[in-house]
């Protein structure tokens, strides 16, 4: 299964087999993703933030980016239905 992510830090933490000073506060149980990746059950893929269609659901966007993403999801304004 492919897991798409636009956060380079999250991708690095998921793929890195050892802990660092900055990640020592993360509870051990959350490192399960590393084991899943090592087994090959999940592959983390980088997706550019401009191509991440989940962005309108996660963070505020400019009007232009929001419109482009909602269009790619097939969401339309009610006034456009006529």
PDB file of N, CA and C in Angstrom:
ATOM      1  N   UNK A   1       0.843  -1.154   0.000  1.00  0.00           N
ATOM      2  CA  UNK A   1       0.000   0.000   0.000  1.00  0.00           C
ATOM      3  C   UNK A   1       0.899   1.230   0.000  1.00  0.00           C
ATOM      4  N   UNK A   2       0.475   2.230  -0.727  1.00  0.00           N
ATOM      5  CA  UNK A   2       1.232   3.479  -0.789  1.00  0.00           C
ATOM      6  C   UNK A   2       0.610   4.495   0.164  1.00  0.00           C
ATOM      7  N   UNK A   3       1.466   5.183   0.911  1.00  0.00           N
ATOM      8  CA  UNK A   3       1.049   6.231   1.826  1.00  0.00           C
ATOM      9  C   UNK A   3       1.682   7.519   1.335  1.00  0.00           C
ATOM     10  N   UNK A   4       0.854   8.472   0.931  1.00  0.00           N
ATOM     11  CA  UNK A   4       1.354   9.727   0.386  1.00  0.00           C
ATOM     12  C   UNK A   4       1.495  10.762   1.494  1.00  0.00           C
ATOM     13  N   UNK A   5       2.600  11.495   1.469  1.00  0.00           N
ATOM     14  CA  UNK A   5       2.887  12.480   2.506  1.00  0.00           C
ATOM     15  C   UNK A   5       3.628  13.652   1.880  1.00  0.00           C
ATOM     16  N   UNK A   6       3.301  14.878   2.332  1.00  0.00           N
ATOM     17  CA  UNK A   6       3.999  16.048   1.811  1.00  0.00           C
ATOM     18  C   UNK A   6       4.943  16.650   2.848  1.00  0.00           C
ATOM     19  N   UNK A   7       5.182  15.948   3.942  1.00  0.00           N
ATOM     20  CA  UNK A   7       6.036  16.443   5.003  1.00  0.00           C
ATOM     21  C   UNK A   7       7.357  15.675   5.015  1.00  0.00           C
ATOM     22  N   UNK A   8       8.436  16.355   4.607  1.00  0.00           N
ATOM     23  CA  UNK A   8       9.744  15.692   4.533  1.00  0.00           C
ATOM     24  C   UNK A   8      10.206  15.179   5.897  1.00  0.00           C
ATOM     25  N   UNK A   9       9.928  15.920   6.956  1.00  0.00           N
ATOM     26  CA  UNK A   9      10.328  15.497   8.297  1.00  0.00           C
ATOM     27  C   UNK A   9       9.633  14.213   8.715  1.00  0.00           C
ATOM     28  N   UNK A  10       8.350  14.115   8.435  1.00  0.00           N
ATOM     29  CA  UNK A  10       7.594  12.907   8.781  1.00  0.00           C
ATOM     30  C   UNK A  10       8.093  11.708   7.983  1.00  0.00           C
ATOM     31  N   UNK A  11       8.412  11.933   6.713  1.00  0.00           N
ATOM     32  CA  UNK A  11       8.938  10.846   5.878  1.00  0.00           C
ATOM     33  C   UNK A  11      10.277  10.374   6.415  1.00  0.00           C
ATOM     34  N   UNK A  12      11.157  11.311   6.771  1.00  0.00           N
ATOM     35  CA  UNK A  12      12.478  10.951   7.302  1.00  0.00           C
ATOM     36  C   UNK A  12      12.353  10.190   8.615  1.00  0.00           C
ATOM     37  N   UNK A  13      11.478  10.631   9.510  1.00  0.00           N
ATOM     38  CA  UNK A  13      11.294   9.926  10.779  1.00  0.00           C
ATOM     39  C   UNK A  13      10.746   8.523  10.579  1.00  0.00           C
ATOM     40  N   UNK A  14       9.847   8.362   9.623  1.00  0.00           N
ATOM     41  CA  UNK A  14       9.255   7.047   9.377  1.00  0.00           C
ATOM     42  C   UNK A  14      10.265   6.069   8.785  1.00  0.00           C
ATOM     43  N   UNK A  15      11.178   6.576   7.977  1.00  0.00           N
ATOM     44  CA  UNK A  15      12.149   5.703   7.317  1.00  0.00           C
ATOM     45  C   UNK A  15      13.424   5.482   8.131  1.00  0.00           C
ATOM     46  N   UNK A  16      13.709   6.387   9.072  1.00  0.00           N
ATOM     47  CA  UNK A  16      14.959   6.331   9.838  1.00  0.00           C
ATOM     48  C   UNK A  16      14.881   5.245  10.912  1.00  0.00           C
ATOM     49  N   UNK A  17      15.799   4.295  10.907  1.00  0.00           N
ATOM     50  CA  UNK A  17      15.726   3.189  11.864  1.00  0.00           C
ATOM     51  C   UNK A  17      16.170   3.534  13.287  1.00  0.00           C
ATOM     52  N   UNK A  18      16.786   4.669  13.496  1.00  0.00           N
ATOM     53  CA  UNK A  18      17.244   5.013  14.844  1.00  0.00           C
ATOM     54  C   UNK A  18      16.644   6.337  15.293  1.00  0.00           C
ATOM     55  N   UNK A  19      16.675   6.562  16.580  1.00  0.00           N
ATOM     56  CA  UNK A  19      16.110   7.783  17.149  1.00  0.00           C
ATOM     57  C   UNK A  19      17.155   8.886  17.202  1.00  0.00           C
ATOM     58  N   UNK A  20      16.688  10.113  17.218  1.00  0.00           N
ATOM     59  CA  UNK A  20      17.548  11.282  17.321  1.00  0.00           C
ATOM     60  C   UNK A  20      17.092  12.106  18.520  1.00  0.00           C
ATOM     61  N   UNK A  21      17.878  13.102  18.873  1.00  0.00           N
ATOM     62  CA  UNK A  21      17.529  13.984  19.978  1.00  0.00           C
ATOM     63  C   UNK A  21      16.162  14.625  19.771  1.00  0.00           C
ATOM     64  N   UNK A  22      15.868  15.016  18.556  1.00  0.00           N
ATOM     65  CA  UNK A  22      14.601  15.704  18.286  1.00  0.00           C
ATOM     66  C   UNK A  22      13.399  14.768  18.314  1.00  0.00           C
ATOM     67  N   UNK A  23      13.619  13.469  18.130  1.00  0.00           N
ATOM     68  CA  UNK A  23      12.493  12.536  18.100  1.00  0.00           C
ATOM     69  C   UNK A  23      12.376  11.727  19.385  1.00  0.00           C
ATOM     70  N   UNK A  24      13.194  12.003  20.386  1.00  0.00           N
ATOM     71  CA  UNK A  24      13.170  11.189  21.598  1.00  0.00           C
ATOM     72  C   UNK A  24      11.881  11.373  22.394  1.00  0.00           C
ATOM     73  N   UNK A  25      11.166  12.468  22.181  1.00  0.00           N
ATOM     74  CA  UNK A  25       9.917  12.701  22.902  1.00  0.00           C
ATOM     75  C   UNK A  25       8.751  11.899  22.336  1.00  0.00           C
ATOM     76  N   UNK A  26       8.916  11.295  21.172  1.00  0.00           N
ATOM     77  CA  UNK A  26       7.851  10.518  20.542  1.00  0.00           C
ATOM     78  C   UNK A  26       7.789   9.155  21.226  1.00  0.00           C
ATOM     79  N   UNK A  27       6.614   8.789  21.678  1.00  0.00           N
ATOM     80  CA  UNK A  27       6.456   7.518  22.372  1.00  0.00           C
ATOM     81  C   UNK A  27       6.807   6.345  21.466  1.00  0.00           C
ATOM     82  N   UNK A  28       7.340   5.327  22.056  1.00  0.00           N
ATOM     83  CA  UNK A  28       7.807   4.165  21.297  1.00  0.00           C
ATOM     84  C   UNK A  28       6.692   3.535  20.461  1.00  0.00           C
ATOM     85  N   UNK A  29       5.481   3.525  20.981  1.00  0.00           N
ATOM     86  CA  UNK A  29       4.392   2.870  20.241  1.00  0.00           C
ATOM     87  C   UNK A  29       4.107   3.549  18.905  1.00  0.00           C
ATOM     88  N   UNK A  30       4.478   4.818  18.772  1.00  0.00           N
ATOM     89  CA  UNK A  30       4.254   5.518  17.523  1.00  0.00           C
ATOM     90  C   UNK A  30       5.319   5.196  16.480  1.00  0.00           C
ATOM     91  N   UNK A  31       6.332   4.463  16.867  1.00  0.00           N
ATOM     92  CA  UNK A  31       7.366   4.054  15.922  1.00  0.00           C
ATOM     93  C   UNK A  31       6.966   2.780  15.169  1.00  0.00           C
ATOM     94  N   UNK A  32       5.762   2.314  15.356  1.00  0.00           N
ATOM     95  CA  UNK A  32       5.255   1.131  14.666  1.00  0.00           C
ATOM     96  C   UNK A  32       5.329   1.297  13.154  1.00  0.00           C
ATOM     97  N   UNK A  33       5.168   2.515  12.660  1.00  0.00           N
ATOM     98  CA  UNK A  33       5.206   2.745  11.210  1.00  0.00           C
ATOM     99  C   UNK A  33       6.537   2.297  10.623  1.00  0.00           C
ATOM    100  N   UNK A  34       7.620   2.423  11.389  1.00  0.00           N
ATOM    101  CA  UNK A  34       8.932   1.972  10.908  1.00  0.00           C
ATOM    102  C   UNK A  34       8.937   0.473  10.669  1.00  0.00           C
ATOM    103  N   UNK A  35       8.343  -0.286  11.580  1.00  0.00           N
ATOM    104  CA  UNK A  35       8.280  -1.739  11.422  1.00  0.00           C
ATOM    105  C   UNK A  35       7.429  -2.106  10.209  1.00  0.00           C
ATOM    106  N   UNK A  36       6.336  -1.395  10.015  1.00  0.00           N
ATOM    107  CA  UNK A  36       5.438  -1.678   8.888  1.00  0.00           C
ATOM    108  C   UNK A  36       6.153  -1.391   7.570  1.00  0.00           C
ATOM    109  N   UNK A  37       6.935  -0.318   7.522  1.00  0.00           N
ATOM    110  CA  UNK A  37       7.688   0.020   6.314  1.00  0.00           C
ATOM    111  C   UNK A  37       8.780  -1.017   6.060  1.00  0.00           C
ATOM    112  N   UNK A  38       9.477  -1.433   7.126  1.00  0.00           N
ATOM    113  CA  UNK A  38      10.528  -2.447   6.984  1.00  0.00           C
ATOM    114  C   UNK A  38       9.981  -3.762   6.449  1.00  0.00           C
ATOM    115  N   UNK A  39       8.765  -4.126   6.865  1.00  0.00           N
ATOM    116  CA  UNK A  39       8.144  -5.361   6.366  1.00  0.00           C
ATOM    117  C   UNK A  39       7.732  -5.236   4.902  1.00  0.00           C
ATOM    118  N   UNK A  40       7.580  -4.015   4.431  1.00  0.00           N
ATOM    119  CA  UNK A  40       7.165  -3.795   3.050  1.00  0.00           C
ATOM    120  C   UNK A  40       5.662  -3.702   2.874  1.00  0.00           C
ATOM    121  N   UNK A  41       4.922  -3.629   3.971  1.00  0.00           N
ATOM    122  CA  UNK A  41       3.460  -3.523   3.877  1.00  0.00           C
ATOM    123  C   UNK A  41       3.022  -2.145   3.392  1.00  0.00           C
ATOM    124  N   UNK A  42       3.822  -1.129   3.715  1.00  0.00           N
ATOM    125  CA  UNK A  42       3.501   0.250   3.343  1.00  0.00           C
ATOM    126  C   UNK A  42       4.741   0.889   2.743  1.00  0.00           C
ATOM    127  N   UNK A  43       4.530   1.660   1.685  1.00  0.00           N
ATOM    128  CA  UNK A  43       5.609   2.439   1.074  1.00  0.00           C
ATOM    129  C   UNK A  43       5.219   3.905   1.165  1.00  0.00           C
ATOM    130  N   UNK A  44       6.108   4.714   1.745  1.00  0.00           N
ATOM    131  CA  UNK A  44       5.828   6.140   1.864  1.00  0.00           C
ATOM    132  C   UNK A  44       6.284   6.834   0.594  1.00  0.00           C
ATOM    133  N   UNK A  45       5.390   7.595  -0.011  1.00  0.00           N
ATOM    134  CA  UNK A  45       5.676   8.305  -1.251  1.00  0.00           C
ATOM    135  C   UNK A  45       5.544   9.805  -1.005  1.00  0.00           C
ATOM    136  N   UNK A  46       6.483  10.556  -1.508  1.00  0.00           N
ATOM    137  CA  UNK A  46       6.451  12.021  -1.396  1.00  0.00           C
ATOM    138  C   UNK A  46       5.467  12.573  -2.420  1.00  0.00           C
ATOM    139  N   UNK A  47       4.595  13.440  -1.966  1.00  0.00           N
ATOM    140  CA  UNK A  47       3.687  14.147  -2.860  1.00  0.00           C
ATOM    141  C   UNK A  47       3.903  15.636  -2.606  1.00  0.00           C
ATOM    142  N   UNK A  48       4.049  16.394  -3.672  1.00  0.00           N
ATOM    143  CA  UNK A  48       4.258  17.831  -3.533  1.00  0.00           C
ATOM    144  C   UNK A  48       2.998  18.456  -2.959  1.00  0.00           C
ATOM    145  N   UNK A  49       3.154  19.430  -2.119  1.00  0.00           N
ATOM    146  CA  UNK A  49       2.009  20.056  -1.456  1.00  0.00           C
ATOM    147  C   UNK A  49       1.004  20.639  -2.449  1.00  0.00           C
ATOM    148  N   UNK A  50       1.458  21.060  -3.624  1.00  0.00           N
ATOM    149  CA  UNK A  50       0.527  21.577  -4.635  1.00  0.00           C
ATOM    150  C   UNK A  50      -0.340  20.477  -5.230  1.00  0.00           C
ATOM    151  N   UNK A  51       0.114  19.222  -5.136  1.00  0.00           N
ATOM    152  CA  UNK A  51      -0.628  18.094  -5.695  1.00  0.00           C
ATOM    153  C   UNK A  51      -1.382  17.300  -4.636  1.00  0.00           C
ATOM    154  N   UNK A  52      -1.294  17.698  -3.397  1.00  0.00           N
ATOM    155  CA  UNK A  52      -1.926  16.978  -2.296  1.00  0.00           C
ATOM    156  C   UNK A  52      -3.389  17.409  -2.182  1.00  0.00           C
ATOM    157  N   UNK A  53      -4.308  16.568  -2.668  1.00  0.00           N
ATOM    158  CA  UNK A  53      -5.716  16.960  -2.698  1.00  0.00           C
ATOM    159  C   UNK A  53      -6.364  16.951  -1.320  1.00  0.00           C
ATOM    160  N   UNK A  54      -5.668  16.464  -0.308  1.00  0.00           N
ATOM    161  CA  UNK A  54      -6.206  16.495   1.052  1.00  0.00           C
ATOM    162  C   UNK A  54      -5.978  17.842   1.723  1.00  0.00           C
ATOM    163  N   UNK A  55      -5.166  18.692   1.146  1.00  0.00           N
ATOM    164  CA  UNK A  55      -4.834  19.976   1.763  1.00  0.00           C
ATOM    165  C   UNK A  55      -6.050  20.820   2.141  1.00  0.00           C
ATOM    166  N   UNK A  56      -7.106  20.920   1.318  1.00  0.00           N
ATOM    167  CA  UNK A  56      -8.250  21.746   1.730  1.00  0.00           C
ATOM    168  C   UNK A  56      -8.906  21.238   3.011  1.00  0.00           C
ATOM    169  N   UNK A  57      -8.700  19.988   3.336  1.00  0.00           N
ATOM    170  CA  UNK A  57      -9.285  19.417   4.547  1.00  0.00           C
ATOM    171  C   UNK A  57      -8.374  19.579   5.760  1.00  0.00           C
ATOM    172  N   UNK A  58      -7.125  19.993   5.530  1.00  0.00           N
ATOM    173  CA  UNK A  58      -6.140  20.017   6.603  1.00  0.00           C
ATOM    174  C   UNK A  58      -5.668  21.412   7.014  1.00  0.00           C
ATOM    175  N   UNK A  59      -5.656  22.352   6.074  1.00  0.00           N
ATOM    176  CA  UNK A  59      -5.085  23.657   6.401  1.00  0.00           C
ATOM    177  C   UNK A  59      -5.701  24.739   5.521  1.00  0.00           C
ATOM    178  N   UNK A  60      -5.582  25.981   5.963  1.00  0.00           N
ATOM    179  CA  UNK A  60      -6.112  27.072   5.139  1.00  0.00           C
ATOM    180  C   UNK A  60      -5.269  27.262   3.883  1.00  0.00           C
ATOM    181  N   UNK A  61      -5.939  27.521   2.783  1.00  0.00           N
ATOM    182  CA  UNK A  61      -5.258  27.711   1.498  1.00  0.00           C
ATOM    183  C   UNK A  61      -5.682  29.038   0.884  1.00  0.00           C
ATOM    184  N   UNK A  62      -4.887  29.489  -0.071  1.00  0.00           N
ATOM    185  CA  UNK A  62      -5.306  30.654  -0.837  1.00  0.00           C
ATOM    186  C   UNK A  62      -6.545  30.268  -1.641  1.00  0.00           C
ATOM    187  N   UNK A  63      -7.303  31.271  -2.049  1.00  0.00           N
ATOM    188  CA  UNK A  63      -8.534  31.008  -2.795  1.00  0.00           C
ATOM    189  C   UNK A  63      -8.239  30.213  -4.071  1.00  0.00           C
ATOM    190  N   UNK A  64      -7.173  30.574  -4.770  1.00  0.00           N
ATOM    191  CA  UNK A  64      -6.828  29.911  -6.028  1.00  0.00           C
ATOM    192  C   UNK A  64      -6.489  28.433  -5.793  1.00  0.00           C
ATOM    193  N   UNK A  65      -5.663  28.141  -4.783  1.00  0.00           N
ATOM    194  CA  UNK A  65      -5.309  26.749  -4.493  1.00  0.00           C
ATOM    195  C   UNK A  65      -6.528  25.961  -4.046  1.00  0.00           C
ATOM    196  N   UNK A  66      -7.354  26.579  -3.221  1.00  0.00           N
ATOM    197  CA  UNK A  66      -8.554  25.895  -2.746  1.00  0.00           C
ATOM    198  C   UNK A  66      -9.467  25.534  -3.913  1.00  0.00           C
ATOM    199  N   UNK A  67      -9.683  26.475  -4.826  1.00  0.00           N
ATOM    200  CA  UNK A  67     -10.531  26.210  -5.989  1.00  0.00           C
ATOM    201  C   UNK A  67      -9.959  25.094  -6.857  1.00  0.00           C
ATOM    202  N   UNK A  68      -8.646  25.089  -7.061  1.00  0.00           N
ATOM    203  CA  UNK A  68      -8.023  24.037  -7.877  1.00  0.00           C
ATOM    204  C   UNK A  68      -8.203  22.655  -7.230  1.00  0.00           C
ATOM    205  N   UNK A  69      -8.015  22.585  -5.926  1.00  0.00           N
ATOM    206  CA  UNK A  69      -8.160  21.304  -5.230  1.00  0.00           C
ATOM    207  C   UNK A  69      -9.608  20.828  -5.210  1.00  0.00           C
ATOM    208  N   UNK A  70     -10.542  21.731  -4.921  1.00  0.00           N
ATOM    209  CA  UNK A  70     -11.942  21.311  -4.892  1.00  0.00           C
ATOM    210  C   UNK A  70     -12.416  20.890  -6.280  1.00  0.00           C
ATOM    211  N   UNK A  71     -11.900  21.530  -7.318  1.00  0.00           N
ATOM    212  CA  UNK A  71     -12.244  21.126  -8.688  1.00  0.00           C
ATOM    213  C   UNK A  71     -11.721  19.721  -8.979  1.00  0.00           C
ATOM    214  N   UNK A  72     -10.503  19.425  -8.532  1.00  0.00           N
ATOM    215  CA  UNK A  72      -9.935  18.090  -8.770  1.00  0.00           C
ATOM    216  C   UNK A  72     -10.687  17.009  -7.991  1.00  0.00           C
ATOM    217  N   UNK A  73     -11.328  17.401  -6.883  1.00  0.00           N
ATOM    218  CA  UNK A  73     -12.145  16.464  -6.111  1.00  0.00           C
ATOM    219  C   UNK A  73     -13.558  16.329  -6.680  1.00  0.00           C
ATOM    220  N   UNK A  74     -13.910  17.192  -7.618  1.00  0.00           N
ATOM    221  CA  UNK A  74     -15.240  17.143  -8.212  1.00  0.00           C
ATOM    222  C   UNK A  74     -16.284  17.926  -7.430  1.00  0.00           C
ATOM    223  N   UNK A  75     -15.838  18.800  -6.540  1.00  0.00           N
ATOM    224  CA  UNK A  75     -16.755  19.617  -5.741  1.00  0.00           C
ATOM    225  C   UNK A  75     -17.086  20.883  -6.531  1.00  0.00           C
ATOM    226  N   UNK A  76     -18.382  21.197  -6.615  1.00  0.00           N
ATOM    227  CA  UNK A  76     -18.803  22.383  -7.356  1.00  0.00           C
ATOM    228  C   UNK A  76     -19.686  23.248  -6.492  1.00  0.00           C
ATOM    229  N   UNK A  77     -19.736  24.538  -6.828  1.00  0.00           N
ATOM    230  CA  UNK A  77     -20.667  25.443  -6.159  1.00  0.00           C
ATOM    231  C   UNK A  77     -22.090  25.147  -6.661  1.00  0.00           C
ATOM    232  N   UNK A  78     -23.067  25.338  -5.815  1.00  0.00           N
ATOM    233  CA  UNK A  78     -24.454  25.101  -6.199  1.00  0.00           C
ATOM    234  C   UNK A  78     -24.834  25.984  -7.373  1.00  0.00           C
ATOM    235  N   UNK A  79     -24.332  27.202  -7.416  1.00  0.00           N
ATOM    236  CA  UNK A  79     -24.663  28.119  -8.526  1.00  0.00           C
ATOM    237  C   UNK A  79     -24.123  27.641  -9.865  1.00  0.00           C
ATOM    238  N   UNK A  80     -23.151  26.736  -9.863  1.00  0.00           N
ATOM    239  CA  UNK A  80     -22.587  26.210 -11.124  1.00  0.00           C
ATOM    240  C   UNK A  80     -23.404  25.071 -11.695  1.00  0.00           C
ATOM    241  N   UNK A  81     -24.406  24.584 -11.002  1.00  0.00           N
ATOM    242  CA  UNK A  81     -25.187  23.425 -11.436  1.00  0.00           C
ATOM    243  C   UNK A  81     -26.194  23.772 -12.534  1.00  0.00           C
ATOM    244  N   UNK A  82     -26.533  25.015 -12.711  1.00  0.00           N
ATOM    245  CA  UNK A  82     -27.588  25.374 -13.665  1.00  0.00           C
ATOM    246  C   UNK A  82     -27.133  25.311 -15.090  1.00  0.00           C
TER     247      UNK A  82
END
